[in-house]
Amino acid sequence: MARAASCSTWPGTSRGRRRLGHLPNVHFHQGNGYDLDPFADESFDLVHSAFAFQHMPKTVAYNYFLETWRVLRPGGLFTFQVPNLLRGA
């Protein structure tokens, strides 16, 4: 069975918890706003971020990119959505 994990510092994830929290393979984690410390090295095949990076300083976003590579298994996939992340760089 596939496992899904959500890590967010935003309290709005409670909606997802209400909708999906009853599933045995879905887990929610409170993030610290800097890294993916709750997760072991090479523990995910896919990491996805939806419209989060534009809300944080570039140095923090960069750290999340590094952390993503740490938690991805070899051959894993990292996908993300951002509007105009490079504008004004």
Protein backbone atom coordinates (compact mmCIF):
# COMPACT_ATOMS: atom_id res chain seq x y z
CA MET A 1 0.00 0.00 0.00
CA ALA A 2 1.34 3.42 -0.91
CA ARG A 3 1.94 5.89 1.91
CA ALA A 4 1.14 9.60 1.75
CA ALA A 5 2.48 12.24 4.12
CA SER A 6 1.63 15.92 4.43
CA CYS A 7 3.96 18.40 6.08
CA SER A 8 2.83 21.97 6.55
CA THR A 9 3.21 24.91 8.88
CA TRP A 10 -0.14 26.27 7.69
CA PRO A 11 -3.15 25.53 9.91
CA GLY A 12 -5.34 25.16 6.79
CA THR A 13 -4.16 21.57 6.47
CA SER A 14 -6.85 20.69 8.98
CA ARG A 15 -9.27 20.53 6.01
CA GLY A 16 -7.14 17.80 4.46
CA ARG A 17 -6.90 16.05 7.80
CA ARG A 18 -10.71 16.05 8.08
CA ARG A 19 -11.09 14.66 4.55
CA LEU A 20 -8.26 12.12 4.52
CA GLY A 21 -7.20 11.53 8.12
CA HIS A 22 -9.25 8.35 8.45
CA LEU A 23 -7.12 6.58 5.84
CA PRO A 24 -4.49 4.30 7.40
CA ASN A 25 -1.78 5.25 4.88
CA VAL A 26 -2.17 9.05 5.14
CA HIS A 27 -0.15 10.89 7.78
CA PHE A 28 -0.04 14.59 8.67
CA HIS A 29 3.00 16.30 10.17
CA GLN A 30 3.46 19.79 11.60
CA GLY A 31 6.46 21.34 9.87
CA ASN A 32 8.93 23.73 11.48
CA GLY A 33 9.11 26.11 8.51
CA TYR A 34 12.72 25.30 7.66
CA ASP A 35 13.39 21.64 6.91
CA LEU A 36 11.88 18.17 6.51
CA ASP A 37 13.36 16.85 9.75
CA PRO A 38 10.44 14.49 10.57
CA PHE A 39 11.38 12.38 7.53
CA ALA A 40 14.27 9.96 7.11
CA ASP A 41 16.80 10.08 4.28
CA GLU A 42 15.62 8.44 1.06
CA SER A 43 12.13 7.80 2.40
CA PHE A 44 9.94 9.05 -0.50
CA ASP A 45 9.50 8.24 -4.17
CA LEU A 46 7.68 11.53 -4.82
CA VAL A 47 7.73 14.95 -3.17
CA HIS A 48 5.24 17.58 -4.35
CA SER A 49 4.84 21.18 -3.24
CA ALA A 50 1.86 23.25 -4.32
CA PHE A 51 2.24 27.03 -4.22
CA ALA A 52 4.37 27.22 -1.08
CA PHE A 53 7.82 28.41 -2.16
CA GLN A 54 6.69 31.89 -3.18
CA HIS A 55 5.59 32.54 0.41
CA MET A 56 9.02 32.04 1.96
CA PRO A 57 12.40 33.76 1.72
CA LYS A 58 14.55 32.37 -1.10
CA THR A 59 17.08 31.03 1.40
CA VAL A 60 14.37 28.96 3.12
CA ALA A 61 13.00 27.74 -0.23
CA TYR A 62 16.53 26.73 -1.21
CA ASN A 63 16.89 24.78 2.03
CA TYR A 64 13.64 22.95 1.28
CA PHE A 65 15.05 22.02 -2.13
CA LEU A 66 18.12 20.55 -0.41
CA GLU A 67 15.93 18.73 2.09
CA THR A 68 13.80 17.35 -0.72
CA TRP A 69 16.84 15.77 -2.34
CA ARG A 70 17.74 14.29 1.06
CA VAL A 71 14.36 12.59 1.58
CA LEU A 72 13.93 11.39 -2.02
CA ARG A 73 14.89 7.83 -2.86
CA PRO A 74 17.30 7.39 -5.77
CA GLY A 75 15.31 7.97 -8.94
CA GLY A 76 12.57 9.80 -6.99
CA LEU A 77 10.59 12.68 -8.45
CA PHE A 78 10.27 16.25 -7.14
CA THR A 79 7.43 18.33 -8.53
CA PHE A 80 6.37 21.79 -7.47
CA GLN A 81 4.08 24.62 -8.53
CA VAL A 82 5.05 28.25 -8.23
CA PRO A 83 3.83 31.42 -9.88
CA ASN A 84 6.72 33.62 -11.06
CA LEU A 85 9.29 32.34 -8.56
CA LEU A 86 12.15 33.85 -10.57
CA ARG A 87 10.53 37.25 -11.16
CA GLY A 88 12.58 39.93 -9.47
CA ALA A 89 15.54 37.62 -8.89
